[in-house]
């Protein structure tokens, strides 16, 4: 089975959404001194490659541990929208031709290749998805969407407005952010897993996202 890791490694000082808790990963015990090794991790629920549960922006929305895990593993459609300018908006009309015949597709992942900028200020200037994309995907029965950016909505100068989140999470959808390596998934209908840590009652959780090609 061929496997492509779609996750950003978690490490001390890694880039996070502005204002989110900083990440520290520290060794607190070693085999030499203590007979075993243990690390301490301090991080927010939206660290690295992670899942947004509806509770993230919808009062009373579903928490991470309330999401049916069956929704988070299945065939994916990867939509290519590369070569975009900073802060460009991805309209439905520009991707509709890649989103036909979604029968049997569990999730849609948008590949902008903006993950190449992860860790830099430019990463904050990522392209965004129009709210109509959320509406159309929901109409097609897609309730899990992933992006290789920090956010499907604008991160800078957004006046606290997150229209894609509002539509998609408001319909009990799930958003996956900070994916990477989507260019390495070169086959159709990859089997993708975006299972989160089982953080009870939380609004989001880090995931180890992978794309698989059985028998490849």
C-alpha atoms as a PDB file:
ATOM      1  CA  UNK A   1       0.000   0.000   0.000  1.00  0.00           C
ATOM      2  CA  UNK A   2       1.336   3.420  -0.942  1.00  0.00           C
ATOM      3  CA  UNK A   3       0.878   6.071   1.763  1.00  0.00           C
ATOM      4  CA  UNK A   4       1.422   9.847   1.517  1.00  0.00           C
ATOM      5  CA  UNK A   5       1.602  11.802   4.763  1.00  0.00           C
ATOM      6  CA  UNK A   6      -0.544  14.937   4.423  1.00  0.00           C
ATOM      7  CA  UNK A   7       0.351  16.301   7.884  1.00  0.00           C
ATOM      8  CA  UNK A   8       2.574  19.131   9.043  1.00  0.00           C
ATOM      9  CA  UNK A   9       5.030  17.892  11.730  1.00  0.00           C
ATOM     10  CA  UNK A  10       4.345  19.285  15.207  1.00  0.00           C
ATOM     11  CA  UNK A  11       7.357  20.970  16.778  1.00  0.00           C
ATOM     12  CA  UNK A  12       8.267  23.775  19.142  1.00  0.00           C
ATOM     13  CA  UNK A  13       7.666  27.223  17.691  1.00  0.00           C
ATOM     14  CA  UNK A  14       5.741  26.025  14.640  1.00  0.00           C
ATOM     15  CA  UNK A  15       3.381  28.438  12.918  1.00  0.00           C
ATOM     16  CA  UNK A  16      -0.114  28.699  14.366  1.00  0.00           C
ATOM     17  CA  UNK A  17      -3.165  30.826  13.654  1.00  0.00           C
ATOM     18  CA  UNK A  18      -2.442  34.347  14.968  1.00  0.00           C
ATOM     19  CA  UNK A  19      -3.386  34.470  18.657  1.00  0.00           C
ATOM     20  CA  UNK A  20      -3.583  30.708  19.133  1.00  0.00           C
ATOM     21  CA  UNK A  21      -1.460  29.047  21.845  1.00  0.00           C
ATOM     22  CA  UNK A  22       2.192  28.667  20.934  1.00  0.00           C
ATOM     23  CA  UNK A  23       3.526  25.132  20.541  1.00  0.00           C
ATOM     24  CA  UNK A  24       6.214  23.763  22.848  1.00  0.00           C
ATOM     25  CA  UNK A  25       7.452  20.183  22.713  1.00  0.00           C
ATOM     26  CA  UNK A  26       9.944  19.524  25.494  1.00  0.00           C
ATOM     27  CA  UNK A  27      11.777  16.446  26.713  1.00  0.00           C
ATOM     28  CA  UNK A  28      11.081  16.081  30.443  1.00  0.00           C
ATOM     29  CA  UNK A  29      12.643  12.678  31.090  1.00  0.00           C
ATOM     30  CA  UNK A  30      15.429  10.755  29.367  1.00  0.00           C
ATOM     31  CA  UNK A  31      16.503   7.141  29.300  1.00  0.00           C
ATOM     32  CA  UNK A  32      19.980   8.088  30.538  1.00  0.00           C
ATOM     33  CA  UNK A  33      18.766  10.032  33.576  1.00  0.00           C
ATOM     34  CA  UNK A  34      15.389   8.446  34.317  1.00  0.00           C
ATOM     35  CA  UNK A  35      15.303   5.079  32.630  1.00  0.00           C
ATOM     36  CA  UNK A  36      12.618   6.167  30.149  1.00  0.00           C
ATOM     37  CA  UNK A  37      11.928   9.099  27.819  1.00  0.00           C
ATOM     38  CA  UNK A  38       8.852  11.313  28.024  1.00  0.00           C
ATOM     39  CA  UNK A  39       7.998  14.593  26.318  1.00  0.00           C
ATOM     40  CA  UNK A  40       5.668  17.411  27.370  1.00  0.00           C
ATOM     41  CA  UNK A  41       3.429  18.955  24.711  1.00  0.00           C
ATOM     42  CA  UNK A  42       1.702  22.313  25.045  1.00  0.00           C
ATOM     43  CA  UNK A  43      -0.465  23.256  22.078  1.00  0.00           C
ATOM     44  CA  UNK A  44      -3.869  24.541  21.059  1.00  0.00           C
ATOM     45  CA  UNK A  45      -6.636  22.375  19.653  1.00  0.00           C
ATOM     46  CA  UNK A  46      -5.991  23.802  16.170  1.00  0.00           C
ATOM     47  CA  UNK A  47      -2.279  23.005  16.028  1.00  0.00           C
ATOM     48  CA  UNK A  48      -0.710  21.899  12.760  1.00  0.00           C
ATOM     49  CA  UNK A  49      -2.831  19.771  10.456  1.00  0.00           C
ATOM     50  CA  UNK A  50      -6.113  19.653  12.315  1.00  0.00           C
ATOM     51  CA  UNK A  51      -9.866  19.267  12.152  1.00  0.00           C
ATOM     52  CA  UNK A  52     -12.444  21.980  12.859  1.00  0.00           C
ATOM     53  CA  UNK A  53     -15.563  20.548  14.453  1.00  0.00           C
ATOM     54  CA  UNK A  54     -18.817  22.547  14.146  1.00  0.00           C
ATOM     55  CA  UNK A  55     -18.343  23.702  17.767  1.00  0.00           C
ATOM     56  CA  UNK A  56     -15.380  25.788  16.552  1.00  0.00           C
ATOM     57  CA  UNK A  57     -17.652  28.536  15.250  1.00  0.00           C
ATOM     58  CA  UNK A  58     -21.237  27.375  15.801  1.00  0.00           C
ATOM     59  CA  UNK A  59     -22.734  27.801  19.307  1.00  0.00           C
ATOM     60  CA  UNK A  60     -23.925  24.404  20.465  1.00  0.00           C
ATOM     61  CA  UNK A  61     -22.301  22.717  17.463  1.00  0.00           C
ATOM     62  CA  UNK A  62     -20.981  19.164  17.448  1.00  0.00           C
ATOM     63  CA  UNK A  63     -17.710  18.567  19.313  1.00  0.00           C
ATOM     64  CA  UNK A  64     -14.800  16.507  18.017  1.00  0.00           C
ATOM     65  CA  UNK A  65     -15.740  13.365  19.931  1.00  0.00           C
ATOM     66  CA  UNK A  66     -19.284  13.551  18.568  1.00  0.00           C
ATOM     67  CA  UNK A  67     -18.237  13.223  14.914  1.00  0.00           C
ATOM     68  CA  UNK A  68     -18.953   9.852  13.315  1.00  0.00           C
ATOM     69  CA  UNK A  69     -15.500   8.484  12.464  1.00  0.00           C
ATOM     70  CA  UNK A  70     -16.965   6.856   9.364  1.00  0.00           C
ATOM     71  CA  UNK A  71     -17.205  10.324   7.825  1.00  0.00           C
ATOM     72  CA  UNK A  72     -13.478  10.872   8.225  1.00  0.00           C
ATOM     73  CA  UNK A  73     -12.103   7.937   6.232  1.00  0.00           C
ATOM     74  CA  UNK A  74     -13.000   7.376   2.596  1.00  0.00           C
ATOM     75  CA  UNK A  75     -12.366   8.175  -1.062  1.00  0.00           C
ATOM     76  CA  UNK A  76     -11.364  11.771  -1.712  1.00  0.00           C
ATOM     77  CA  UNK A  77     -11.479  14.132  -4.661  1.00  0.00           C
ATOM     78  CA  UNK A  78      -8.456  16.437  -4.870  1.00  0.00           C
ATOM     79  CA  UNK A  79      -9.250  19.706  -6.639  1.00  0.00           C
ATOM     80  CA  UNK A  80      -6.281  21.434  -8.230  1.00  0.00           C
ATOM     81  CA  UNK A  81      -6.309  25.227  -8.004  1.00  0.00           C
ATOM     82  CA  UNK A  82      -2.635  26.134  -8.099  1.00  0.00           C
ATOM     83  CA  UNK A  83      -0.795  29.220  -9.337  1.00  0.00           C
ATOM     84  CA  UNK A  84      -3.117  31.607  -7.515  1.00  0.00           C
ATOM     85  CA  UNK A  85      -2.194  35.064  -6.304  1.00  0.00           C
ATOM     86  CA  UNK A  86      -2.048  35.895  -2.616  1.00  0.00           C
ATOM     87  CA  UNK A  87      -5.530  36.274  -1.083  1.00  0.00           C
ATOM     88  CA  UNK A  88      -7.210  35.148  -4.301  1.00  0.00           C
ATOM     89  CA  UNK A  89     -10.776  33.873  -3.985  1.00  0.00           C
ATOM     90  CA  UNK A  90     -11.583  30.451  -5.398  1.00  0.00           C
ATOM     91  CA  UNK A  91     -15.061  30.767  -6.893  1.00  0.00           C
ATOM     92  CA  UNK A  92     -17.348  27.842  -7.614  1.00  0.00           C
ATOM     93  CA  UNK A  93     -17.190  28.591 -11.347  1.00  0.00           C
ATOM     94  CA  UNK A  94     -13.429  27.986 -11.368  1.00  0.00           C
ATOM     95  CA  UNK A  95     -13.622  24.515  -9.796  1.00  0.00           C
ATOM     96  CA  UNK A  96     -17.048  23.222 -10.817  1.00  0.00           C
ATOM     97  CA  UNK A  97     -15.621  21.160 -13.683  1.00  0.00           C
ATOM     98  CA  UNK A  98     -13.511  19.196 -11.180  1.00  0.00           C
ATOM     99  CA  UNK A  99     -16.441  18.579  -8.878  1.00  0.00           C
ATOM    100  CA  UNK A 100     -18.773  16.639 -11.121  1.00  0.00           C
ATOM    101  CA  UNK A 101     -19.880  13.074 -10.310  1.00  0.00           C
ATOM    102  CA  UNK A 102     -19.147  13.019  -6.582  1.00  0.00           C
ATOM    103  CA  UNK A 103     -21.007   9.775  -5.959  1.00  0.00           C
ATOM    104  CA  UNK A 104     -19.062   7.691  -3.466  1.00  0.00           C
ATOM    105  CA  UNK A 105     -16.690  10.553  -2.589  1.00  0.00           C
ATOM    106  CA  UNK A 106     -16.362  11.105   1.170  1.00  0.00           C
ATOM    107  CA  UNK A 107     -14.389  14.348   1.157  1.00  0.00           C
ATOM    108  CA  UNK A 108     -13.023  17.058  -1.116  1.00  0.00           C
ATOM    109  CA  UNK A 109      -9.502  18.434  -0.666  1.00  0.00           C
ATOM    110  CA  UNK A 110      -8.364  21.664  -2.300  1.00  0.00           C
ATOM    111  CA  UNK A 111      -4.765  21.734  -3.511  1.00  0.00           C
ATOM    112  CA  UNK A 112      -3.350  25.249  -3.861  1.00  0.00           C
ATOM    113  CA  UNK A 113       0.274  24.298  -3.017  1.00  0.00           C
ATOM    114  CA  UNK A 114       0.237  27.177  -0.507  1.00  0.00           C
ATOM    115  CA  UNK A 115       1.635  24.690   2.013  1.00  0.00           C
ATOM    116  CA  UNK A 116       5.025  25.466   0.458  1.00  0.00           C
ATOM    117  CA  UNK A 117       4.894  28.729   2.419  1.00  0.00           C
ATOM    118  CA  UNK A 118       4.122  27.127   5.790  1.00  0.00           C
ATOM    119  CA  UNK A 119       6.110  28.822   8.548  1.00  0.00           C
ATOM    120  CA  UNK A 120       6.402  32.163   6.746  1.00  0.00           C
ATOM    121  CA  UNK A 121       4.412  35.397   6.777  1.00  0.00           C
ATOM    122  CA  UNK A 122       3.287  34.641   3.221  1.00  0.00           C
ATOM    123  CA  UNK A 123       1.411  31.609   4.500  1.00  0.00           C
ATOM    124  CA  UNK A 124      -1.055  34.032   6.122  1.00  0.00           C
ATOM    125  CA  UNK A 125      -1.875  35.499   2.685  1.00  0.00           C
ATOM    126  CA  UNK A 126      -3.345  32.269   1.364  1.00  0.00           C
ATOM    127  CA  UNK A 127      -6.169  31.944  -1.168  1.00  0.00           C
ATOM    128  CA  UNK A 128      -9.681  31.508   0.208  1.00  0.00           C
ATOM    129  CA  UNK A 129     -12.784  29.543  -0.752  1.00  0.00           C
ATOM    130  CA  UNK A 130     -15.965  31.409  -1.608  1.00  0.00           C
ATOM    131  CA  UNK A 131     -18.992  30.616   0.543  1.00  0.00           C
ATOM    132  CA  UNK A 132     -20.772  29.369  -2.593  1.00  0.00           C
ATOM    133  CA  UNK A 133     -18.250  26.501  -2.738  1.00  0.00           C
ATOM    134  CA  UNK A 134     -19.427  25.413   0.700  1.00  0.00           C
ATOM    135  CA  UNK A 135     -23.066  25.644  -0.361  1.00  0.00           C
ATOM    136  CA  UNK A 136     -22.556  23.648  -3.560  1.00  0.00           C
ATOM    137  CA  UNK A 137     -20.552  20.918  -1.851  1.00  0.00           C
ATOM    138  CA  UNK A 138     -23.177  20.511   0.825  1.00  0.00           C
ATOM    139  CA  UNK A 139     -25.859  20.246  -1.871  1.00  0.00           C
ATOM    140  CA  UNK A 140     -23.787  17.436  -3.413  1.00  0.00           C
ATOM    141  CA  UNK A 141     -23.666  15.607  -0.082  1.00  0.00           C
ATOM    142  CA  UNK A 142     -20.045  16.460   0.779  1.00  0.00           C
ATOM    143  CA  UNK A 143     -19.653  17.209   4.500  1.00  0.00           C
ATOM    144  CA  UNK A 144     -15.850  17.034   4.869  1.00  0.00           C
ATOM    145  CA  UNK A 145     -13.576  19.584   3.177  1.00  0.00           C
ATOM    146  CA  UNK A 146      -9.812  20.021   3.474  1.00  0.00           C
ATOM    147  CA  UNK A 147      -7.401  22.768   2.448  1.00  0.00           C
ATOM    148  CA  UNK A 148      -3.615  23.034   2.267  1.00  0.00           C
ATOM    149  CA  UNK A 149      -3.831  26.510   3.790  1.00  0.00           C
ATOM    150  CA  UNK A 150      -4.287  27.926   7.265  1.00  0.00           C
ATOM    151  CA  UNK A 151      -7.947  28.622   6.669  1.00  0.00           C
ATOM    152  CA  UNK A 152     -10.603  28.325   3.931  1.00  0.00           C
ATOM    153  CA  UNK A 153     -11.580  31.869   4.922  1.00  0.00           C
ATOM    154  CA  UNK A 154      -9.284  34.888   5.015  1.00  0.00           C
ATOM    155  CA  UNK A 155      -6.840  34.937   7.919  1.00  0.00           C
ATOM    156  CA  UNK A 156      -5.745  38.575   7.570  1.00  0.00           C
ATOM    157  CA  UNK A 157      -8.121  41.530   7.743  1.00  0.00           C
ATOM    158  CA  UNK A 158     -11.202  39.334   8.024  1.00  0.00           C
ATOM    159  CA  UNK A 159     -13.128  41.507  10.538  1.00  0.00           C
ATOM    160  CA  UNK A 160     -13.895  38.254  12.370  1.00  0.00           C
ATOM    161  CA  UNK A 161     -16.064  37.144   9.452  1.00  0.00           C
ATOM    162  CA  UNK A 162     -15.656  33.522   8.389  1.00  0.00           C
ATOM    163  CA  UNK A 163     -18.320  32.938   5.715  1.00  0.00           C
ATOM    164  CA  UNK A 164     -17.105  29.503   4.590  1.00  0.00           C
ATOM    165  CA  UNK A 165     -16.950  28.302   8.206  1.00  0.00           C
ATOM    166  CA  UNK A 166     -20.403  29.721   8.878  1.00  0.00           C
ATOM    167  CA  UNK A 167     -21.992  27.838   5.998  1.00  0.00           C
ATOM    168  CA  UNK A 168     -20.096  24.575   6.221  1.00  0.00           C
ATOM    169  CA  UNK A 169     -19.814  24.116   9.984  1.00  0.00           C
ATOM    170  CA  UNK A 170     -23.313  25.514  10.325  1.00  0.00           C
ATOM    171  CA  UNK A 171     -24.530  22.500   8.340  1.00  0.00           C
ATOM    172  CA  UNK A 172     -22.642  20.110  10.653  1.00  0.00           C
ATOM    173  CA  UNK A 173     -19.741  19.846   8.203  1.00  0.00           C
ATOM    174  CA  UNK A 174     -16.100  19.300   9.100  1.00  0.00           C
ATOM    175  CA  UNK A 175     -13.130  21.367   7.893  1.00  0.00           C
ATOM    176  CA  UNK A 176      -9.528  20.128   7.757  1.00  0.00           C
ATOM    177  CA  UNK A 177      -6.784  22.765   7.637  1.00  0.00           C
ATOM    178  CA  UNK A 178      -3.006  22.876   7.081  1.00  0.00           C
ATOM    179  CA  UNK A 179      -2.786  19.852   4.810  1.00  0.00           C
ATOM    180  CA  UNK A 180       0.449  19.369   2.875  1.00  0.00           C
ATOM    181  CA  UNK A 181       1.990  17.125   0.200  1.00  0.00           C
ATOM    182  CA  UNK A 182      -1.196  16.963  -1.884  1.00  0.00           C
ATOM    183  CA  UNK A 183       0.944  17.140  -5.035  1.00  0.00           C
ATOM    184  CA  UNK A 184       2.330  13.727  -4.130  1.00  0.00           C
ATOM    185  CA  UNK A 185      -1.106  12.123  -4.449  1.00  0.00           C
ATOM    186  CA  UNK A 186      -0.941  11.282  -8.140  1.00  0.00           C
ATOM    187  CA  UNK A 187      -3.747   8.712  -8.403  1.00  0.00           C
ATOM    188  CA  UNK A 188      -7.518   9.100  -8.585  1.00  0.00           C
ATOM    189  CA  UNK A 189      -9.841   8.476  -5.654  1.00  0.00           C
ATOM    190  CA  UNK A 190      -7.198   8.207  -2.918  1.00  0.00           C
ATOM    191  CA  UNK A 191      -8.390   6.640   0.312  1.00  0.00           C
ATOM    192  CA  UNK A 192      -7.891   9.445   2.846  1.00  0.00           C
ATOM    193  CA  UNK A 193      -7.994   9.337   6.645  1.00  0.00           C
ATOM    194  CA  UNK A 194      -8.341  12.516   8.706  1.00  0.00           C
ATOM    195  CA  UNK A 195      -8.988  10.983  12.127  1.00  0.00           C
ATOM    196  CA  UNK A 196      -8.565  13.419  15.051  1.00  0.00           C
ATOM    197  CA  UNK A 197      -7.228  12.921  18.542  1.00  0.00           C
ATOM    198  CA  UNK A 198     -10.129  11.940  20.794  1.00  0.00           C
ATOM    199  CA  UNK A 199     -10.270  15.231  22.694  1.00  0.00           C
ATOM    200  CA  UNK A 200     -13.572  15.103  24.546  1.00  0.00           C
ATOM    201  CA  UNK A 201     -15.861  18.105  24.112  1.00  0.00           C
ATOM    202  CA  UNK A 202     -13.402  20.169  22.083  1.00  0.00           C
ATOM    203  CA  UNK A 203     -13.838  22.423  19.066  1.00  0.00           C
ATOM    204  CA  UNK A 204     -10.961  20.910  17.093  1.00  0.00           C
ATOM    205  CA  UNK A 205      -8.056  18.485  17.273  1.00  0.00           C
ATOM    206  CA  UNK A 206      -4.765  17.709  15.524  1.00  0.00           C
ATOM    207  CA  UNK A 207      -4.917  14.865  13.022  1.00  0.00           C
ATOM    208  CA  UNK A 208      -2.461  12.604  11.216  1.00  0.00           C
ATOM    209  CA  UNK A 209      -3.868  12.952   7.711  1.00  0.00           C
ATOM    210  CA  UNK A 210      -2.789  10.332   5.172  1.00  0.00           C
ATOM    211  CA  UNK A 211      -3.691   9.400   1.606  1.00  0.00           C
ATOM    212  CA  UNK A 212      -3.500   5.713   0.686  1.00  0.00           C
ATOM    213  CA  UNK A 213      -3.415   3.749  -2.538  1.00  0.00           C
ATOM    214  CA  UNK A 214      -4.272   0.151  -1.697  1.00  0.00           C
ATOM    215  CA  UNK A 215      -2.132  -2.223  -3.687  1.00  0.00           C
ATOM    216  CA  UNK A 216      -0.146   0.666  -5.186  1.00  0.00           C
END
